[in-house]
Amino acid sequence: MSSTLDAPADVAAPPADATTTSSGLAWKVLSPGDGPKPSARAEVTVHYSGWKTDGSLFDSSRQRGTPTSFPLNRVIKGWTEGLQLMEQGSSARFWIPAELAYGTNPGGGRPGGLLVFDVELLSISEPPPPPAVPEDVGSVPGNADVTASGLAHRVIVAGTGETRPGARNEVTVHYTGWQTNGEMFDSSVTRGTPASFPLNRVIKGWTEGLQLMVKGETRRFWIPAELAYGHNPGGGRPGGMLVFDVELLSFR
């Protein structure tokens, strides 16, 4: 891709040689690559420049002189879709309609309307595959222990030692959470990064449950709604009983 930041000649509208997807995203290859294509969950590293249809440049990693990296499922819809069409090492131009970008009048200094990006896909890092859905995710099995609060649990992998964290300890864990229909809603495993937090600042089921564990142990928890987020929590949080597999890596 050329390093120039001049607006492309076809910045005002997709040209005849562009391909348009069913969502309305238009794109064309500027230079081919020979590597794999990323998945929607991949972290990619790119160089890019973005223009409005009047030719004004509003953002550019090339202007800053530093590539940028991000998970594809945490950017505008046009980027999530578009970069999955690209091969590693390729460059492409995208005409992203407002509904796949920031909208028509987004405010907050973000550009509105149709946006045009030149993107060079430098590298791809795919996350680990999601853990398999437990066979007993739908309900508490007979071999689980249940505490007085209603928290059900059982050991999946034994740990070492006898010391357990207290309610005010900070723990570091890997975890995956499912709803009872088998839908995964969160996972540090797929992000590839453990999570750390004080035990007195999480849902009640975690505060209670992780105090039962020793370092290196993996335990499955069936957490009733009243010890989780409730039945209809809103805000994108899952409701009802939740099932977690948690591996306790360390605590302090």
C-alpha atoms as a PDB file:
ATOM      1  CA  MET A   1       0.000   0.000   0.000  1.00  0.00           C
ATOM      2  CA  SER A   2       1.265   3.461  -0.773  1.00  0.00           C
ATOM      3  CA  SER A   3       2.336   5.485   2.242  1.00  0.00           C
ATOM      4  CA  THR A   4       0.659   8.633   0.894  1.00  0.00           C
ATOM      5  CA  LEU A   5      -2.154  10.097   2.972  1.00  0.00           C
ATOM      6  CA  ASP A   6      -3.794  11.851   0.028  1.00  0.00           C
ATOM      7  CA  ALA A   7      -7.441  10.931  -0.324  1.00  0.00           C
ATOM      8  CA  PRO A   8      -8.129   8.186  -2.883  1.00  0.00           C
ATOM      9  CA  ALA A   9      -9.621   9.358  -6.155  1.00  0.00           C
ATOM     10  CA  ASP A  10     -12.682   7.186  -5.497  1.00  0.00           C
ATOM     11  CA  VAL A  11     -13.256   8.335  -1.915  1.00  0.00           C
ATOM     12  CA  ALA A  12     -16.667   9.890  -2.611  1.00  0.00           C
ATOM     13  CA  ALA A  13     -18.442   6.628  -3.485  1.00  0.00           C
ATOM     14  CA  PRO A  14     -17.669   2.971  -4.217  1.00  0.00           C
ATOM     15  CA  PRO A  15     -16.390   2.557  -7.786  1.00  0.00           C
ATOM     16  CA  ALA A  16     -17.715   0.064 -10.318  1.00  0.00           C
ATOM     17  CA  ASP A  17     -14.896  -2.394  -9.614  1.00  0.00           C
ATOM     18  CA  ALA A  18     -15.735  -2.619  -5.890  1.00  0.00           C
ATOM     19  CA  THR A  19     -17.550  -5.632  -4.482  1.00  0.00           C
ATOM     20  CA  THR A  20     -20.549  -5.003  -2.215  1.00  0.00           C
ATOM     21  CA  THR A  21     -21.593  -7.522   0.424  1.00  0.00           C
ATOM     22  CA  SER A  22     -25.165  -8.198   1.557  1.00  0.00           C
ATOM     23  CA  SER A  23     -24.670  -5.842   4.524  1.00  0.00           C
ATOM     24  CA  GLY A  24     -23.804  -2.918   2.230  1.00  0.00           C
ATOM     25  CA  LEU A  25     -20.046  -2.989   2.825  1.00  0.00           C
ATOM     26  CA  ALA A  26     -18.132  -2.192  -0.385  1.00  0.00           C
ATOM     27  CA  TRP A  27     -14.502  -3.171  -0.825  1.00  0.00           C
ATOM     28  CA  LYS A  28     -11.724  -3.946  -3.266  1.00  0.00           C
ATOM     29  CA  VAL A  29      -8.255  -5.453  -2.998  1.00  0.00           C
ATOM     30  CA  LEU A  30      -5.394  -2.989  -3.473  1.00  0.00           C
ATOM     31  CA  SER A  31      -2.622  -5.555  -3.190  1.00  0.00           C
ATOM     32  CA  PRO A  32      -3.011  -9.312  -2.579  1.00  0.00           C
ATOM     33  CA  GLY A  33      -1.643 -11.315   0.331  1.00  0.00           C
ATOM     34  CA  ASP A  34      -0.774 -14.965   0.704  1.00  0.00           C
ATOM     35  CA  GLY A  35      -1.610 -15.624   4.343  1.00  0.00           C
ATOM     36  CA  PRO A  36      -4.706 -16.816   6.216  1.00  0.00           C
ATOM     37  CA  LYS A  37      -7.871 -14.834   6.808  1.00  0.00           C
ATOM     38  CA  PRO A  38      -8.756 -13.849  10.389  1.00  0.00           C
ATOM     39  CA  SER A  39     -11.814 -15.035  12.282  1.00  0.00           C
ATOM     40  CA  ALA A  40     -14.167 -12.598  14.010  1.00  0.00           C
ATOM     41  CA  ARG A  41     -12.455 -13.396  17.328  1.00  0.00           C
ATOM     42  CA  ALA A  42      -8.895 -12.841  16.097  1.00  0.00           C
ATOM     43  CA  GLU A  43      -6.640 -10.011  17.201  1.00  0.00           C
ATOM     44  CA  VAL A  44      -5.209  -8.267  14.166  1.00  0.00           C
ATOM     45  CA  THR A  45      -2.394  -5.787  13.618  1.00  0.00           C
ATOM     46  CA  VAL A  46      -2.942  -3.298  10.821  1.00  0.00           C
ATOM     47  CA  HIS A  47      -1.871  -0.064   9.248  1.00  0.00           C
ATOM     48  CA  TYR A  48      -4.800   2.048   8.117  1.00  0.00           C
ATOM     49  CA  SER A  49      -5.956   5.487   7.030  1.00  0.00           C
ATOM     50  CA  GLY A  50      -9.540   6.733   7.112  1.00  0.00           C
ATOM     51  CA  TRP A  51     -11.245   9.482   5.124  1.00  0.00           C
ATOM     52  CA  LYS A  52     -14.647  11.076   4.936  1.00  0.00           C
ATOM     53  CA  THR A  53     -16.284  11.248   1.518  1.00  0.00           C
ATOM     54  CA  ASP A  54     -15.190  14.901   1.194  1.00  0.00           C
ATOM     55  CA  GLY A  55     -11.586  13.672   1.193  1.00  0.00           C
ATOM     56  CA  SER A  56     -10.683  14.851   4.684  1.00  0.00           C
ATOM     57  CA  LEU A  57      -8.426  12.473   6.627  1.00  0.00           C
ATOM     58  CA  PHE A  58      -9.782  11.784  10.128  1.00  0.00           C
ATOM     59  CA  ASP A  59      -7.472   9.026  11.398  1.00  0.00           C
ATOM     60  CA  SER A  60      -4.316   7.213  10.316  1.00  0.00           C
ATOM     61  CA  SER A  61      -1.911   4.801  11.966  1.00  0.00           C
ATOM     62  CA  ARG A  62       0.490   5.575   9.125  1.00  0.00           C
ATOM     63  CA  GLN A  63       0.483   9.232  10.076  1.00  0.00           C
ATOM     64  CA  ARG A  64       1.361   8.200  13.637  1.00  0.00           C
ATOM     65  CA  GLY A  65       4.027   5.809  12.354  1.00  0.00           C
ATOM     66  CA  THR A  66       2.808   2.902  14.501  1.00  0.00           C
ATOM     67  CA  PRO A  67       0.556  -0.035  13.552  1.00  0.00           C
ATOM     68  CA  THR A  68      -2.466  -0.692  15.737  1.00  0.00           C
ATOM     69  CA  SER A  69      -3.757  -3.977  17.189  1.00  0.00           C
ATOM     70  CA  PHE A  70      -7.267  -4.899  18.317  1.00  0.00           C
ATOM     71  CA  PRO A  71      -9.722  -7.828  18.552  1.00  0.00           C
ATOM     72  CA  LEU A  72     -11.961  -7.875  15.484  1.00  0.00           C
ATOM     73  CA  ASN A  73     -15.091  -8.356  17.581  1.00  0.00           C
ATOM     74  CA  ARG A  74     -14.537  -5.045  19.397  1.00  0.00           C
ATOM     75  CA  VAL A  75     -14.538  -2.575  16.526  1.00  0.00           C
ATOM     76  CA  ILE A  76     -17.152  -1.125  14.167  1.00  0.00           C
ATOM     77  CA  LYS A  77     -19.189  -3.677  12.240  1.00  0.00           C
ATOM     78  CA  GLY A  78     -17.617  -2.729   8.924  1.00  0.00           C
ATOM     79  CA  TRP A  79     -14.160  -3.574  10.215  1.00  0.00           C
ATOM     80  CA  THR A  80     -15.302  -6.822  11.829  1.00  0.00           C
ATOM     81  CA  GLU A  81     -16.819  -7.950   8.540  1.00  0.00           C
ATOM     82  CA  GLY A  82     -14.283  -6.429   6.181  1.00  0.00           C
ATOM     83  CA  LEU A  83     -11.057  -7.676   7.683  1.00  0.00           C
ATOM     84  CA  GLN A  84     -12.368 -11.238   7.652  1.00  0.00           C
ATOM     85  CA  LEU A  85     -12.382 -10.923   3.852  1.00  0.00           C
ATOM     86  CA  MET A  86      -8.667 -10.075   3.775  1.00  0.00           C
ATOM     87  CA  GLU A  87      -5.614 -12.327   3.645  1.00  0.00           C
ATOM     88  CA  GLN A  88      -2.631 -11.596   5.849  1.00  0.00           C
ATOM     89  CA  GLY A  89      -0.223  -9.362   3.916  1.00  0.00           C
ATOM     90  CA  SER A  90      -2.949  -7.887   1.719  1.00  0.00           C
ATOM     91  CA  SER A  91      -4.218  -4.310   1.456  1.00  0.00           C
ATOM     92  CA  ALA A  92      -7.809  -3.340   0.773  1.00  0.00           C
ATOM     93  CA  ARG A  93     -10.036  -0.300   0.526  1.00  0.00           C
ATOM     94  CA  PHE A  94     -13.405  -0.273   2.277  1.00  0.00           C
ATOM     95  CA  TRP A  95     -16.418   1.972   1.820  1.00  0.00           C
ATOM     96  CA  ILE A  96     -18.275   1.514   5.099  1.00  0.00           C
ATOM     97  CA  PRO A  97     -21.860   2.822   5.278  1.00  0.00           C
ATOM     98  CA  ALA A  98     -22.965   4.735   8.350  1.00  0.00           C
ATOM     99  CA  GLU A  99     -24.924   1.813   9.795  1.00  0.00           C
ATOM    100  CA  LEU A 100     -21.751  -0.291   9.831  1.00  0.00           C
ATOM    101  CA  ALA A 101     -19.606   2.557  11.191  1.00  0.00           C
ATOM    102  CA  TYR A 102     -20.534   5.275  13.713  1.00  0.00           C
ATOM    103  CA  GLY A 103     -23.937   6.273  12.364  1.00  0.00           C
ATOM    104  CA  THR A 104     -24.979   9.455  10.628  1.00  0.00           C
ATOM    105  CA  ASN A 105     -24.507  11.948  13.474  1.00  0.00           C
ATOM    106  CA  PRO A 106     -22.484  10.123  16.154  1.00  0.00           C
ATOM    107  CA  GLY A 107     -21.109  13.067  18.121  1.00  0.00           C
ATOM    108  CA  GLY A 108     -18.139  12.800  20.445  1.00  0.00           C
ATOM    109  CA  GLY A 109     -15.752  13.814  17.676  1.00  0.00           C
ATOM    110  CA  ARG A 110     -16.378  10.627  15.708  1.00  0.00           C
ATOM    111  CA  PRO A 111     -16.954  10.915  11.957  1.00  0.00           C
ATOM    112  CA  GLY A 112     -20.440  10.272  10.608  1.00  0.00           C
ATOM    113  CA  GLY A 113     -21.793   8.935   7.367  1.00  0.00           C
ATOM    114  CA  LEU A 114     -19.975   6.768   4.831  1.00  0.00           C
ATOM    115  CA  LEU A 115     -16.321   6.259   5.746  1.00  0.00           C
ATOM    116  CA  VAL A 116     -13.472   5.068   3.527  1.00  0.00           C
ATOM    117  CA  PHE A 117     -10.510   3.103   4.882  1.00  0.00           C
ATOM    118  CA  ASP A 118      -7.336   1.780   3.338  1.00  0.00           C
ATOM    119  CA  VAL A 119      -6.203  -1.147   5.483  1.00  0.00           C
ATOM    120  CA  GLU A 120      -3.060  -3.294   5.351  1.00  0.00           C
ATOM    121  CA  LEU A 121      -3.397  -6.533   7.328  1.00  0.00           C
ATOM    122  CA  LEU A 122       0.040  -7.102   8.871  1.00  0.00           C
ATOM    123  CA  SER A 123      -0.557 -10.029  11.227  1.00  0.00           C
ATOM    124  CA  ILE A 124      -3.224 -12.196  12.816  1.00  0.00           C
ATOM    125  CA  SER A 125      -3.324 -13.780  16.269  1.00  0.00           C
ATOM    126  CA  GLU A 126      -6.130 -16.278  16.721  1.00  0.00           C
ATOM    127  CA  PRO A 127      -7.391 -16.878  20.280  1.00  0.00           C
ATOM    128  CA  PRO A 128      -7.564 -20.362  21.769  1.00  0.00           C
ATOM    129  CA  PRO A 129     -10.729 -22.257  20.811  1.00  0.00           C
ATOM    130  CA  PRO A 130     -13.603 -21.923  23.278  1.00  0.00           C
ATOM    131  CA  PRO A 131     -13.875 -24.707  25.856  1.00  0.00           C
ATOM    132  CA  ALA A 132     -16.420 -27.417  25.184  1.00  0.00           C
ATOM    133  CA  VAL A 133     -19.843 -26.889  26.725  1.00  0.00           C
ATOM    134  CA  PRO A 134     -20.156 -29.087  29.837  1.00  0.00           C
ATOM    135  CA  GLU A 135     -22.599 -31.981  29.514  1.00  0.00           C
ATOM    136  CA  ASP A 136     -24.153 -31.016  32.850  1.00  0.00           C
ATOM    137  CA  VAL A 137     -24.586 -27.309  32.073  1.00  0.00           C
ATOM    138  CA  GLY A 138     -28.389 -27.533  31.975  1.00  0.00           C
ATOM    139  CA  SER A 139     -28.969 -28.353  35.643  1.00  0.00           C
ATOM    140  CA  VAL A 140     -27.164 -29.263  38.843  1.00  0.00           C
ATOM    141  CA  PRO A 141     -26.013 -32.910  38.624  1.00  0.00           C
ATOM    142  CA  GLY A 142     -26.374 -35.433  41.402  1.00  0.00           C
ATOM    143  CA  ASN A 143     -22.616 -35.557  42.074  1.00  0.00           C
ATOM    144  CA  ALA A 144     -22.401 -31.844  42.924  1.00  0.00           C
ATOM    145  CA  ASP A 145     -22.214 -30.512  46.470  1.00  0.00           C
ATOM    146  CA  VAL A 146     -24.631 -27.741  47.428  1.00  0.00           C
ATOM    147  CA  THR A 147     -23.939 -25.148  50.121  1.00  0.00           C
ATOM    148  CA  ALA A 148     -26.523 -23.584  52.437  1.00  0.00           C
ATOM    149  CA  SER A 149     -26.764 -20.576  50.104  1.00  0.00           C
ATOM    150  CA  GLY A 150     -27.733 -22.759  47.145  1.00  0.00           C
ATOM    151  CA  LEU A 151     -24.335 -22.664  45.421  1.00  0.00           C
ATOM    152  CA  ALA A 152     -23.617 -26.008  43.726  1.00  0.00           C
ATOM    153  CA  HIS A 153     -20.067 -27.065  42.890  1.00  0.00           C
ATOM    154  CA  ARG A 154     -17.758 -29.953  42.170  1.00  0.00           C
ATOM    155  CA  VAL A 155     -14.021 -30.371  41.591  1.00  0.00           C
ATOM    156  CA  ILE A 156     -12.977 -30.942  37.973  1.00  0.00           C
ATOM    157  CA  VAL A 157      -9.185 -30.933  38.485  1.00  0.00           C
ATOM    158  CA  ALA A 158      -7.630 -31.271  41.936  1.00  0.00           C
ATOM    159  CA  GLY A 159      -5.225 -28.588  43.122  1.00  0.00           C
ATOM    160  CA  THR A 160      -2.305 -28.581  45.531  1.00  0.00           C
ATOM    161  CA  GLY A 161      -1.915 -27.421  49.099  1.00  0.00           C
ATOM    162  CA  GLU A 162      -4.472 -26.664  51.750  1.00  0.00           C
ATOM    163  CA  THR A 163      -4.483 -22.860  51.833  1.00  0.00           C
ATOM    164  CA  ARG A 164      -7.598 -21.220  50.426  1.00  0.00           C
ATOM    165  CA  PRO A 165      -8.242 -17.559  49.613  1.00  0.00           C
ATOM    166  CA  GLY A 166     -10.248 -15.350  51.929  1.00  0.00           C
ATOM    167  CA  ALA A 167     -13.032 -12.984  50.946  1.00  0.00           C
ATOM    168  CA  ARG A 168     -10.624 -10.034  50.761  1.00  0.00           C
ATOM    169  CA  ASN A 169      -7.856 -11.758  48.812  1.00  0.00           C
ATOM    170  CA  GLU A 170      -7.106 -10.876  45.212  1.00  0.00           C
ATOM    171  CA  VAL A 171      -7.276 -13.955  43.017  1.00  0.00           C
ATOM    172  CA  THR A 172      -6.002 -14.698  39.520  1.00  0.00           C
ATOM    173  CA  VAL A 173      -8.094 -17.170  37.555  1.00  0.00           C
ATOM    174  CA  HIS A 174      -8.947 -18.575  34.175  1.00  0.00           C
ATOM    175  CA  TYR A 175     -12.681 -19.066  33.738  1.00  0.00           C
ATOM    176  CA  THR A 176     -15.484 -19.702  31.297  1.00  0.00           C
ATOM    177  CA  GLY A 177     -19.152 -18.998  31.892  1.00  0.00           C
ATOM    178  CA  TRP A 178     -22.222 -20.522  30.260  1.00  0.00           C
ATOM    179  CA  GLN A 179     -25.955 -20.068  30.509  1.00  0.00           C
ATOM    180  CA  THR A 180     -27.996 -23.208  31.079  1.00  0.00           C
ATOM    181  CA  ASN A 181     -28.848 -23.385  27.348  1.00  0.00           C
ATOM    182  CA  GLY A 182     -25.139 -23.952  26.662  1.00  0.00           C
ATOM    183  CA  GLU A 183     -24.444 -20.450  25.372  1.00  0.00           C
ATOM    184  CA  MET A 184     -21.008 -19.197  26.436  1.00  0.00           C
ATOM    185  CA  PHE A 185     -21.184 -15.566  27.549  1.00  0.00           C
ATOM    186  CA  ASP A 186     -17.674 -14.912  28.846  1.00  0.00           C
ATOM    187  CA  SER A 187     -14.271 -16.586  28.914  1.00  0.00           C
ATOM    188  CA  SER A 188     -10.792 -15.492  29.928  1.00  0.00           C
ATOM    189  CA  VAL A 189      -9.575 -18.644  28.147  1.00  0.00           C
ATOM    190  CA  THR A 190     -10.649 -17.410  24.719  1.00  0.00           C
ATOM    191  CA  ARG A 191      -9.112 -14.003  25.432  1.00  0.00           C
ATOM    192  CA  GLY A 192      -5.858 -15.720  26.315  1.00  0.00           C
ATOM    193  CA  THR A 193      -5.391 -13.627  29.468  1.00  0.00           C
ATOM    194  CA  PRO A 194      -6.188 -14.604  33.080  1.00  0.00           C
ATOM    195  CA  ALA A 195      -8.397 -12.302  35.145  1.00  0.00           C
ATOM    196  CA  SER A 196      -7.463 -10.834  38.534  1.00  0.00           C
ATOM    197  CA  PHE A 197      -9.860  -9.272  41.041  1.00  0.00           C
ATOM    198  CA  PRO A 198     -10.589  -8.966  44.774  1.00  0.00           C
ATOM    199  CA  LEU A 199     -13.042 -11.655  45.879  1.00  0.00           C
ATOM    200  CA  ASN A 200     -15.223  -9.122  47.709  1.00  0.00           C
ATOM    201  CA  ARG A 201     -15.950  -7.232  44.466  1.00  0.00           C
ATOM    202  CA  VAL A 202     -17.588  -9.922  42.365  1.00  0.00           C
ATOM    203  CA  ILE A 203     -20.927 -11.746  42.363  1.00  0.00           C
ATOM    204  CA  LYS A 204     -21.803 -13.545  45.591  1.00  0.00           C
ATOM    205  CA  GLY A 205     -21.414 -16.985  44.021  1.00  0.00           C
ATOM    206  CA  TRP A 206     -17.807 -16.228  43.117  1.00  0.00           C
ATOM    207  CA  THR A 207     -17.016 -14.708  46.521  1.00  0.00           C
ATOM    208  CA  GLU A 208     -18.298 -17.836  48.252  1.00  0.00           C
ATOM    209  CA  GLY A 209     -17.167 -20.415  45.711  1.00  0.00           C
ATOM    210  CA  LEU A 210     -13.541 -19.428  45.245  1.00  0.00           C
ATOM    211  CA  GLN A 211     -12.979 -19.575  48.989  1.00  0.00           C
ATOM    212  CA  LEU A 212     -13.583 -23.340  48.672  1.00  0.00           C
ATOM    213  CA  MET A 213     -10.677 -23.755  46.234  1.00  0.00           C
ATOM    214  CA  VAL A 214      -6.936 -24.335  46.539  1.00  0.00           C
ATOM    215  CA  LYS A 215      -4.247 -23.171  44.112  1.00  0.00           C
ATOM    216  CA  GLY A 216      -4.166 -25.114  40.833  1.00  0.00           C
ATOM    217  CA  GLU A 217      -7.696 -26.439  41.251  1.00  0.00           C
ATOM    218  CA  THR A 218     -10.445 -26.251  38.645  1.00  0.00           C
ATOM    219  CA  ARG A 219     -13.989 -26.303  39.948  1.00  0.00           C
ATOM    220  CA  ARG A 220     -17.394 -26.087  38.278  1.00  0.00           C
ATOM    221  CA  PHE A 221     -20.024 -23.869  39.865  1.00  0.00           C
ATOM    222  CA  TRP A 222     -23.771 -23.760  39.293  1.00  0.00           C
ATOM    223  CA  ILE A 223     -24.632 -20.294  40.600  1.00  0.00           C
ATOM    224  CA  PRO A 224     -28.337 -19.541  41.166  1.00  0.00           C
ATOM    225  CA  ALA A 225     -29.679 -16.197  39.968  1.00  0.00           C
ATOM    226  CA  GLU A 226     -29.787 -14.714  43.479  1.00  0.00           C
ATOM    227  CA  LEU A 227     -26.030 -15.298  43.829  1.00  0.00           C
ATOM    228  CA  ALA A 228     -25.300 -14.033  40.303  1.00  0.00           C
ATOM    229  CA  TYR A 229     -26.976 -11.171  38.382  1.00  0.00           C
ATOM    230  CA  GLY A 230     -30.620 -11.981  39.088  1.00  0.00           C
ATOM    231  CA  HIS A 231     -33.252 -13.191  36.640  1.00  0.00           C
ATOM    232  CA  ASN A 232     -33.530 -10.141  34.375  1.00  0.00           C
ATOM    233  CA  PRO A 233     -30.454  -7.998  35.056  1.00  0.00           C
ATOM    234  CA  GLY A 234     -30.306  -5.987  31.811  1.00  0.00           C
ATOM    235  CA  GLY A 235     -27.193  -4.198  30.621  1.00  0.00           C
ATOM    236  CA  GLY A 236     -26.115  -7.207  28.580  1.00  0.00           C
ATOM    237  CA  ARG A 237     -25.500  -9.327  31.680  1.00  0.00           C
ATOM    238  CA  PRO A 238     -26.793 -12.914  31.661  1.00  0.00           C
ATOM    239  CA  GLY A 239     -29.728 -13.786  33.886  1.00  0.00           C
ATOM    240  CA  GLY A 240     -30.828 -16.900  35.705  1.00  0.00           C
ATOM    241  CA  MET A 241     -28.563 -19.707  36.864  1.00  0.00           C
ATOM    242  CA  LEU A 242     -25.020 -19.459  35.490  1.00  0.00           C
ATOM    243  CA  VAL A 243     -22.397 -22.184  35.191  1.00  0.00           C
ATOM    244  CA  PHE A 244     -18.691 -21.424  35.514  1.00  0.00           C
ATOM    245  CA  ASP A 245     -15.543 -23.487  35.207  1.00  0.00           C
ATOM    246  CA  VAL A 246     -12.879 -21.696  37.244  1.00  0.00           C
ATOM    247  CA  GLU A 247      -9.177 -22.516  37.553  1.00  0.00           C
ATOM    248  CA  LEU A 248      -7.515 -20.832  40.531  1.00  0.00           C
ATOM    249  CA  LEU A 249      -4.036 -19.858  39.377  1.00  0.00           C
ATOM    250  CA  SER A 250      -2.900 -17.812  42.383  1.00  0.00           C
ATOM    251  CA  PHE A 251      -4.077 -15.519  45.176  1.00  0.00           C
ATOM    252  CA  ARG A 252      -2.610 -12.971  47.531  1.00  0.00           C
END
